[in-house]
Amino acid sequence: MNRKYKQLWTYLRDNCLGNEVLTFDEIYNLTGHYVDSEFMDHRRDGLEYDITVTKIDMRSRTVLFSRSRRK
C-alpha cells in the first residue's frame, strides 16, 4: 500500500457514509499531495478501507468515492 494517500483513505473510512465527492484541492489539503498519475495507480488501496474510487473527473477536478459495505 502506498502511504502517500493513507490520510485520505482514513478520512473517507471515518466520514463517508455512501458517496463522497472531493475536489483535487480538498484531497491535497488532506494529504499534502496532489492527485496525479500515482494516485491513479494506487486508487485500489482504498479497498482496504472499504472505499472505491468510482469516477475521476479531470475537467471538474473532482473524485467520486463510494463506501462499500462488507457483509
N, C-alpha and C. Protein backbone atom coordinates (compact mmCIF):
# COMPACT_ATOMS: atom_id res chain seq x y z
N MET A 1 0.84 -1.18 0.00
CA MET A 1 0.00 0.00 0.00
C MET A 1 0.88 1.24 0.00
N ASN A 2 0.46 2.21 -0.74
CA ASN A 2 1.15 3.49 -0.79
C ASN A 2 0.68 4.35 0.38
N ARG A 3 1.60 4.75 1.23
CA ARG A 3 1.26 5.55 2.42
C ARG A 3 0.98 7.01 2.08
N LYS A 4 1.26 7.42 0.87
CA LYS A 4 1.08 8.81 0.44
C LYS A 4 -0.37 9.27 0.63
N TYR A 5 -1.32 8.39 0.39
CA TYR A 5 -2.74 8.75 0.47
C TYR A 5 -3.45 8.10 1.66
N LYS A 6 -2.71 7.59 2.62
CA LYS A 6 -3.32 6.91 3.76
C LYS A 6 -4.29 7.82 4.52
N GLN A 7 -3.94 9.10 4.70
CA GLN A 7 -4.83 10.03 5.40
C GLN A 7 -6.16 10.19 4.67
N LEU A 8 -6.12 10.16 3.34
CA LEU A 8 -7.34 10.25 2.54
C LEU A 8 -8.23 9.05 2.80
N TRP A 9 -7.66 7.86 2.74
CA TRP A 9 -8.46 6.63 2.93
C TRP A 9 -9.02 6.59 4.35
N THR A 10 -8.23 6.99 5.33
CA THR A 10 -8.69 7.01 6.71
C THR A 10 -9.83 8.01 6.89
N TYR A 11 -9.67 9.20 6.33
CA TYR A 11 -10.73 10.21 6.40
C TYR A 11 -12.02 9.68 5.79
N LEU A 12 -11.93 9.08 4.61
CA LEU A 12 -13.13 8.58 3.94
C LEU A 12 -13.74 7.41 4.69
N ARG A 13 -12.94 6.53 5.25
CA ARG A 13 -13.46 5.41 6.04
C ARG A 13 -14.27 5.93 7.22
N ASP A 14 -13.78 7.00 7.84
CA ASP A 14 -14.43 7.53 9.04
C ASP A 14 -15.60 8.47 8.74
N ASN A 15 -15.63 9.08 7.55
CA ASN A 15 -16.62 10.13 7.27
C ASN A 15 -17.55 9.87 6.09
N CYS A 16 -17.22 8.95 5.23
CA CYS A 16 -18.03 8.69 4.04
C CYS A 16 -19.11 7.67 4.38
N LEU A 17 -20.36 8.07 4.25
CA LEU A 17 -21.47 7.16 4.55
C LEU A 17 -22.03 6.49 3.32
N GLY A 18 -21.80 7.03 2.17
CA GLY A 18 -22.32 6.47 0.92
C GLY A 18 -21.42 6.89 -0.21
N ASN A 19 -21.72 8.05 -0.80
CA ASN A 19 -20.90 8.63 -1.84
C ASN A 19 -20.34 9.95 -1.35
N GLU A 20 -19.14 10.25 -1.75
CA GLU A 20 -18.47 11.49 -1.34
C GLU A 20 -17.71 12.03 -2.54
N VAL A 21 -17.89 13.30 -2.82
CA VAL A 21 -17.14 13.96 -3.89
C VAL A 21 -16.14 14.91 -3.25
N LEU A 22 -14.88 14.74 -3.59
CA LEU A 22 -13.83 15.64 -3.11
C LEU A 22 -13.14 16.26 -4.31
N THR A 23 -12.79 17.52 -4.18
CA THR A 23 -12.03 18.18 -5.24
C THR A 23 -10.56 17.80 -5.07
N PHE A 24 -9.80 18.03 -6.12
CA PHE A 24 -8.37 17.77 -6.05
C PHE A 24 -7.75 18.61 -4.93
N ASP A 25 -8.23 19.84 -4.76
CA ASP A 25 -7.69 20.72 -3.71
C ASP A 25 -8.00 20.18 -2.32
N GLU A 26 -9.20 19.63 -2.13
CA GLU A 26 -9.55 19.04 -0.83
C GLU A 26 -8.67 17.83 -0.54
N ILE A 27 -8.39 17.04 -1.56
CA ILE A 27 -7.51 15.88 -1.39
C ILE A 27 -6.10 16.35 -1.03
N TYR A 28 -5.65 17.43 -1.69
CA TYR A 28 -4.35 17.99 -1.36
C TYR A 28 -4.31 18.47 0.09
N ASN A 29 -5.38 19.13 0.53
CA ASN A 29 -5.43 19.62 1.91
C ASN A 29 -5.40 18.49 2.92
N LEU A 30 -5.98 17.35 2.59
CA LEU A 30 -5.98 16.19 3.49
C LEU A 30 -4.63 15.48 3.52
N THR A 31 -3.98 15.39 2.36
CA THR A 31 -2.79 14.54 2.25
C THR A 31 -1.48 15.29 2.07
N GLY A 32 -1.57 16.51 1.56
CA GLY A 32 -0.35 17.23 1.21
C GLY A 32 0.21 16.81 -0.13
N HIS A 33 -0.57 16.02 -0.88
CA HIS A 33 -0.14 15.52 -2.19
C HIS A 33 -1.24 15.76 -3.21
N TYR A 34 -0.81 16.09 -4.41
CA TYR A 34 -1.77 16.31 -5.49
C TYR A 34 -2.24 14.99 -6.09
N VAL A 35 -3.43 15.02 -6.67
CA VAL A 35 -3.92 13.88 -7.43
C VAL A 35 -3.11 13.86 -8.72
N ASP A 36 -2.40 12.77 -8.93
CA ASP A 36 -1.53 12.65 -10.10
C ASP A 36 -1.59 11.22 -10.61
N SER A 37 -0.71 10.89 -11.51
CA SER A 37 -0.72 9.54 -12.08
C SER A 37 -0.46 8.49 -11.01
N GLU A 38 0.26 8.83 -9.98
CA GLU A 38 0.50 7.88 -8.89
C GLU A 38 -0.81 7.57 -8.16
N PHE A 39 -1.67 8.57 -8.00
CA PHE A 39 -2.98 8.33 -7.39
C PHE A 39 -3.78 7.36 -8.25
N MET A 40 -3.71 7.53 -9.55
CA MET A 40 -4.42 6.63 -10.46
C MET A 40 -3.94 5.19 -10.27
N ASP A 41 -2.64 5.03 -10.09
CA ASP A 41 -2.08 3.69 -9.91
C ASP A 41 -2.45 3.07 -8.56
N HIS A 42 -2.63 3.90 -7.54
CA HIS A 42 -2.84 3.39 -6.18
C HIS A 42 -4.26 3.57 -5.66
N ARG A 43 -5.19 3.88 -6.55
CA ARG A 43 -6.56 4.10 -6.08
C ARG A 43 -7.19 2.83 -5.54
N ARG A 44 -6.66 1.68 -5.90
CA ARG A 44 -7.19 0.41 -5.38
C ARG A 44 -6.85 0.22 -3.90
N ASP A 45 -5.90 1.01 -3.38
CA ASP A 45 -5.56 0.92 -1.96
C ASP A 45 -6.76 1.24 -1.09
N GLY A 46 -7.70 2.02 -1.59
CA GLY A 46 -8.89 2.36 -0.83
C GLY A 46 -9.75 1.16 -0.49
N LEU A 47 -9.61 0.09 -1.25
CA LEU A 47 -10.40 -1.12 -0.99
C LEU A 47 -10.11 -1.67 0.41
N GLU A 48 -8.90 -1.48 0.90
CA GLU A 48 -8.56 -1.93 2.25
C GLU A 48 -9.35 -1.16 3.31
N TYR A 49 -9.87 0.00 2.94
CA TYR A 49 -10.65 0.85 3.83
C TYR A 49 -12.14 0.84 3.45
N ASP A 50 -12.52 -0.09 2.58
CA ASP A 50 -13.89 -0.22 2.07
C ASP A 50 -14.32 0.98 1.25
N ILE A 51 -13.38 1.65 0.58
CA ILE A 51 -13.64 2.81 -0.25
C ILE A 51 -13.27 2.49 -1.69
N THR A 52 -14.16 2.83 -2.62
CA THR A 52 -13.93 2.62 -4.04
C THR A 52 -13.88 3.98 -4.74
N VAL A 53 -12.90 4.14 -5.62
CA VAL A 53 -12.87 5.33 -6.46
C VAL A 53 -13.80 5.05 -7.63
N THR A 54 -14.93 5.74 -7.66
CA THR A 54 -15.95 5.50 -8.66
C THR A 54 -15.68 6.26 -9.95
N LYS A 55 -15.27 7.53 -9.81
CA LYS A 55 -15.04 8.34 -11.00
C LYS A 55 -14.03 9.43 -10.69
N ILE A 56 -13.13 9.65 -11.63
CA ILE A 56 -12.19 10.77 -11.56
C ILE A 56 -12.51 11.67 -12.73
N ASP A 57 -12.93 12.89 -12.42
CA ASP A 57 -13.30 13.84 -13.47
C ASP A 57 -12.20 14.90 -13.58
N MET A 58 -11.41 14.78 -14.60
CA MET A 58 -10.28 15.69 -14.80
C MET A 58 -10.75 17.10 -15.14
N ARG A 59 -11.87 17.22 -15.79
CA ARG A 59 -12.37 18.54 -16.19
C ARG A 59 -12.79 19.35 -14.97
N SER A 60 -13.59 18.74 -14.10
CA SER A 60 -14.06 19.47 -12.92
C SER A 60 -13.10 19.30 -11.73
N ARG A 61 -12.06 18.50 -11.92
CA ARG A 61 -11.03 18.26 -10.89
C ARG A 61 -11.66 17.73 -9.60
N THR A 62 -12.49 16.68 -9.77
CA THR A 62 -13.14 16.05 -8.63
C THR A 62 -12.97 14.53 -8.70
N VAL A 63 -13.12 13.91 -7.55
CA VAL A 63 -13.09 12.44 -7.46
C VAL A 63 -14.32 12.02 -6.69
N LEU A 64 -15.05 11.06 -7.25
CA LEU A 64 -16.22 10.49 -6.58
C LEU A 64 -15.79 9.19 -5.92
N PHE A 65 -16.01 9.11 -4.62
CA PHE A 65 -15.70 7.92 -3.84
C PHE A 65 -17.00 7.29 -3.38
N SER A 66 -17.01 5.97 -3.25
CA SER A 66 -18.18 5.24 -2.75
C SER A 66 -17.73 4.34 -1.62
N ARG A 67 -18.59 4.26 -0.63
CA ARG A 67 -18.32 3.38 0.51
C ARG A 67 -18.89 2.02 0.20
N SER A 68 -18.06 1.00 0.23
CA SER A 68 -18.55 -0.35 0.02
C SER A 68 -18.70 -1.01 1.39
N ARG A 69 -19.77 -1.68 1.57
CA ARG A 69 -20.05 -2.32 2.85
C ARG A 69 -19.76 -3.80 2.74
N ARG A 70 -18.89 -4.28 3.60
CA ARG A 70 -18.59 -5.71 3.64
C ARG A 70 -19.65 -6.42 4.46
N LYS A 71 -20.01 -7.60 4.01
CA LYS A 71 -21.02 -8.36 4.75
C LYS A 71 -20.37 -9.48 5.52
